[in-house]
Amino acid sequence: MKLKITAIGNSSGVILPKDLLARLRLQKGDELYAVETPDGIKLTAYDPKLAAQMEVAEQIMREDRQVLHKLAQ
């Protein structure tokens, strides 16, 4: 899909077509992440830093199931 850079005030931006927003499951106000890869820049609704943090949290919770109970008190 080809996107055109356009002027938005004193900045530049890209307008995302409705069908692309639907495929990304995004709507106005959501965040879009730009991730550098060996092949270029990847735009994604997926936050790799948050995913890594959640993976660590899930591992801790599996190892010590009482963590959630302690936090809830």
N, C-alpha and C. Protein backbone atom coordinates (compact mmCIF):
# COMPACT_ATOMS: atom_id res chain seq x y z
N MET A 1 0.84 -1.17 0.00
CA MET A 1 0.00 0.00 0.00
C MET A 1 0.89 1.23 0.00
N LYS A 2 0.62 2.13 -0.89
CA LYS A 2 1.40 3.35 -1.02
C LYS A 2 0.71 4.47 -0.24
N LEU A 3 1.46 5.16 0.62
CA LEU A 3 0.94 6.27 1.40
C LEU A 3 1.70 7.53 1.05
N LYS A 4 1.01 8.66 1.09
CA LYS A 4 1.62 9.93 0.73
C LYS A 4 1.82 10.78 1.98
N ILE A 5 3.00 11.41 2.09
CA ILE A 5 3.29 12.31 3.19
C ILE A 5 2.65 13.66 2.86
N THR A 6 1.94 14.22 3.84
CA THR A 6 1.22 15.47 3.63
C THR A 6 1.52 16.45 4.76
N ALA A 7 1.28 17.72 4.53
CA ALA A 7 1.48 18.74 5.56
C ALA A 7 0.31 18.70 6.54
N ILE A 8 0.66 18.73 7.84
CA ILE A 8 -0.34 18.81 8.90
C ILE A 8 0.16 19.91 9.84
N GLY A 9 -0.38 21.12 9.67
CA GLY A 9 0.12 22.26 10.43
C GLY A 9 1.56 22.53 10.04
N ASN A 10 2.44 22.63 11.05
CA ASN A 10 3.87 22.84 10.80
C ASN A 10 4.63 21.52 10.71
N SER A 11 3.91 20.42 10.72
CA SER A 11 4.53 19.09 10.69
C SER A 11 4.15 18.37 9.41
N SER A 12 4.65 17.16 9.28
CA SER A 12 4.28 16.29 8.17
C SER A 12 3.66 15.03 8.75
N GLY A 13 2.76 14.43 7.99
CA GLY A 13 2.11 13.22 8.47
C GLY A 13 1.64 12.37 7.32
N VAL A 14 1.13 11.21 7.68
CA VAL A 14 0.59 10.26 6.72
C VAL A 14 -0.85 10.00 7.12
N ILE A 15 -1.75 10.08 6.17
CA ILE A 15 -3.15 9.76 6.43
C ILE A 15 -3.35 8.29 6.11
N LEU A 16 -3.87 7.55 7.10
CA LEU A 16 -4.09 6.12 6.93
C LEU A 16 -5.51 5.87 6.44
N PRO A 17 -5.67 5.16 5.35
CA PRO A 17 -7.00 4.84 4.84
C PRO A 17 -7.79 3.98 5.83
N LYS A 18 -9.12 4.09 5.76
CA LYS A 18 -10.00 3.36 6.67
C LYS A 18 -9.73 1.85 6.66
N ASP A 19 -9.51 1.29 5.47
CA ASP A 19 -9.29 -0.16 5.40
C ASP A 19 -8.00 -0.58 6.09
N LEU A 20 -6.97 0.28 6.04
CA LEU A 20 -5.72 -0.03 6.73
C LEU A 20 -5.92 0.06 8.24
N LEU A 21 -6.64 1.08 8.70
CA LEU A 21 -6.95 1.20 10.12
C LEU A 21 -7.71 -0.03 10.62
N ALA A 22 -8.64 -0.50 9.82
CA ALA A 22 -9.42 -1.68 10.19
C ALA A 22 -8.52 -2.91 10.28
N ARG A 23 -7.61 -3.06 9.34
CA ARG A 23 -6.69 -4.22 9.35
C ARG A 23 -5.76 -4.17 10.55
N LEU A 24 -5.37 -2.95 10.97
CA LEU A 24 -4.50 -2.78 12.13
C LEU A 24 -5.30 -2.78 13.44
N ARG A 25 -6.63 -2.79 13.30
CA ARG A 25 -7.54 -2.71 14.45
C ARG A 25 -7.27 -1.44 15.26
N LEU A 26 -7.15 -0.32 14.56
CA LEU A 26 -6.89 0.97 15.18
C LEU A 26 -8.03 1.93 14.89
N GLN A 27 -8.17 2.91 15.76
CA GLN A 27 -9.11 3.99 15.53
C GLN A 27 -8.48 5.29 16.00
N LYS A 28 -9.13 6.40 15.73
CA LYS A 28 -8.61 7.71 16.09
C LYS A 28 -8.27 7.73 17.59
N GLY A 29 -7.07 8.20 17.92
CA GLY A 29 -6.63 8.28 19.31
C GLY A 29 -5.75 7.12 19.74
N ASP A 30 -5.77 6.00 19.00
CA ASP A 30 -4.91 4.86 19.32
C ASP A 30 -3.46 5.18 18.98
N GLU A 31 -2.56 4.39 19.54
CA GLU A 31 -1.14 4.58 19.26
C GLU A 31 -0.66 3.59 18.20
N LEU A 32 0.24 4.06 17.37
CA LEU A 32 0.86 3.25 16.33
C LEU A 32 2.36 3.28 16.59
N TYR A 33 3.00 2.13 16.58
CA TYR A 33 4.43 2.04 16.89
C TYR A 33 5.24 1.86 15.61
N ALA A 34 6.37 2.56 15.54
CA ALA A 34 7.31 2.42 14.44
C ALA A 34 8.50 1.64 14.99
N VAL A 35 8.73 0.45 14.46
CA VAL A 35 9.78 -0.44 14.94
C VAL A 35 10.79 -0.63 13.82
N GLU A 36 12.06 -0.36 14.13
CA GLU A 36 13.11 -0.53 13.12
C GLU A 36 13.46 -2.01 13.02
N THR A 37 13.47 -2.52 11.79
CA THR A 37 13.82 -3.91 11.53
C THR A 37 14.96 -3.93 10.51
N PRO A 38 15.59 -5.07 10.29
CA PRO A 38 16.64 -5.13 9.27
C PRO A 38 16.13 -4.77 7.87
N ASP A 39 14.82 -4.94 7.64
CA ASP A 39 14.24 -4.66 6.32
C ASP A 39 13.69 -3.25 6.19
N GLY A 40 13.74 -2.46 7.26
CA GLY A 40 13.19 -1.10 7.21
C GLY A 40 12.39 -0.80 8.47
N ILE A 41 11.40 0.06 8.35
CA ILE A 41 10.57 0.46 9.48
C ILE A 41 9.24 -0.28 9.37
N LYS A 42 8.81 -0.87 10.47
CA LYS A 42 7.54 -1.59 10.53
C LYS A 42 6.58 -0.77 11.38
N LEU A 43 5.40 -0.47 10.85
CA LEU A 43 4.35 0.20 11.60
C LEU A 43 3.42 -0.86 12.16
N THR A 44 3.18 -0.80 13.46
CA THR A 44 2.38 -1.83 14.09
C THR A 44 1.59 -1.29 15.27
N ALA A 45 0.47 -1.89 15.56
CA ALA A 45 -0.31 -1.54 16.74
C ALA A 45 0.25 -2.27 17.96
N TYR A 46 1.17 -3.18 17.73
CA TYR A 46 1.77 -4.02 18.75
C TYR A 46 2.96 -3.30 19.37
N ASP A 47 2.98 -3.18 20.71
CA ASP A 47 4.07 -2.52 21.42
C ASP A 47 5.05 -3.59 21.91
N PRO A 48 6.21 -3.75 21.25
CA PRO A 48 7.13 -4.81 21.63
C PRO A 48 7.68 -4.65 23.05
N LYS A 49 7.87 -3.43 23.53
CA LYS A 49 8.37 -3.23 24.90
C LYS A 49 7.34 -3.70 25.91
N LEU A 50 6.07 -3.34 25.69
CA LEU A 50 5.02 -3.77 26.60
C LEU A 50 4.88 -5.29 26.56
N ALA A 51 4.98 -5.89 25.40
CA ALA A 51 4.87 -7.34 25.28
C ALA A 51 5.99 -8.03 26.07
N ALA A 52 7.20 -7.49 26.01
CA ALA A 52 8.32 -8.07 26.77
C ALA A 52 8.09 -7.93 28.26
N GLN A 53 7.57 -6.78 28.70
CA GLN A 53 7.27 -6.58 30.12
C GLN A 53 6.18 -7.54 30.59
N MET A 54 5.17 -7.74 29.77
CA MET A 54 4.08 -8.65 30.13
C MET A 54 4.58 -10.09 30.21
N GLU A 55 5.50 -10.46 29.34
CA GLU A 55 6.06 -11.80 29.37
C GLU A 55 6.81 -12.04 30.68
N VAL A 56 7.58 -11.05 31.13
CA VAL A 56 8.30 -11.16 32.41
C VAL A 56 7.30 -11.26 33.56
N ALA A 57 6.26 -10.42 33.52
CA ALA A 57 5.25 -10.44 34.58
C ALA A 57 4.55 -11.80 34.65
N GLU A 58 4.21 -12.36 33.50
CA GLU A 58 3.55 -13.66 33.47
C GLU A 58 4.47 -14.75 34.00
N GLN A 59 5.75 -14.68 33.70
CA GLN A 59 6.71 -15.67 34.21
C GLN A 59 6.79 -15.58 35.73
N ILE A 60 6.86 -14.37 36.26
CA ILE A 60 6.92 -14.19 37.72
C ILE A 60 5.66 -14.73 38.37
N MET A 61 4.51 -14.45 37.77
CA MET A 61 3.25 -14.93 38.34
C MET A 61 3.15 -16.44 38.30
N ARG A 62 3.72 -17.08 37.27
CA ARG A 62 3.72 -18.54 37.21
C ARG A 62 4.61 -19.12 38.30
N GLU A 63 5.75 -18.45 38.54
CA GLU A 63 6.70 -18.96 39.53
C GLU A 63 6.19 -18.74 40.96
N ASP A 64 5.48 -17.65 41.21
CA ASP A 64 4.99 -17.34 42.55
C ASP A 64 3.55 -16.85 42.44
N ARG A 65 2.63 -17.79 42.45
CA ARG A 65 1.22 -17.48 42.28
C ARG A 65 0.67 -16.58 43.38
N GLN A 66 1.36 -16.49 44.50
CA GLN A 66 0.91 -15.65 45.60
C GLN A 66 1.17 -14.16 45.35
N VAL A 67 1.96 -13.83 44.32
CA VAL A 67 2.27 -12.44 44.01
C VAL A 67 1.00 -11.63 43.82
N LEU A 68 0.07 -12.14 43.02
CA LEU A 68 -1.18 -11.42 42.76
C LEU A 68 -1.97 -11.23 44.05
N HIS A 69 -2.00 -12.27 44.85
CA HIS A 69 -2.76 -12.18 46.12
C HIS A 69 -2.13 -11.11 47.02
N LYS A 70 -0.81 -11.09 47.09
CA LYS A 70 -0.11 -10.11 47.92
C LYS A 70 -0.37 -8.69 47.42
N LEU A 71 -0.37 -8.50 46.10
CA LEU A 71 -0.59 -7.18 45.51
C LEU A 71 -2.01 -6.70 45.72
N ALA A 72 -2.96 -7.61 45.76
CA ALA A 72 -4.37 -7.25 45.89
C ALA A 72 -4.71 -6.81 47.32
N GLN A 73 -3.87 -7.14 48.27
CA GLN A 73 -4.17 -6.79 49.67
C GLN A 73 -3.79 -5.40 50.02
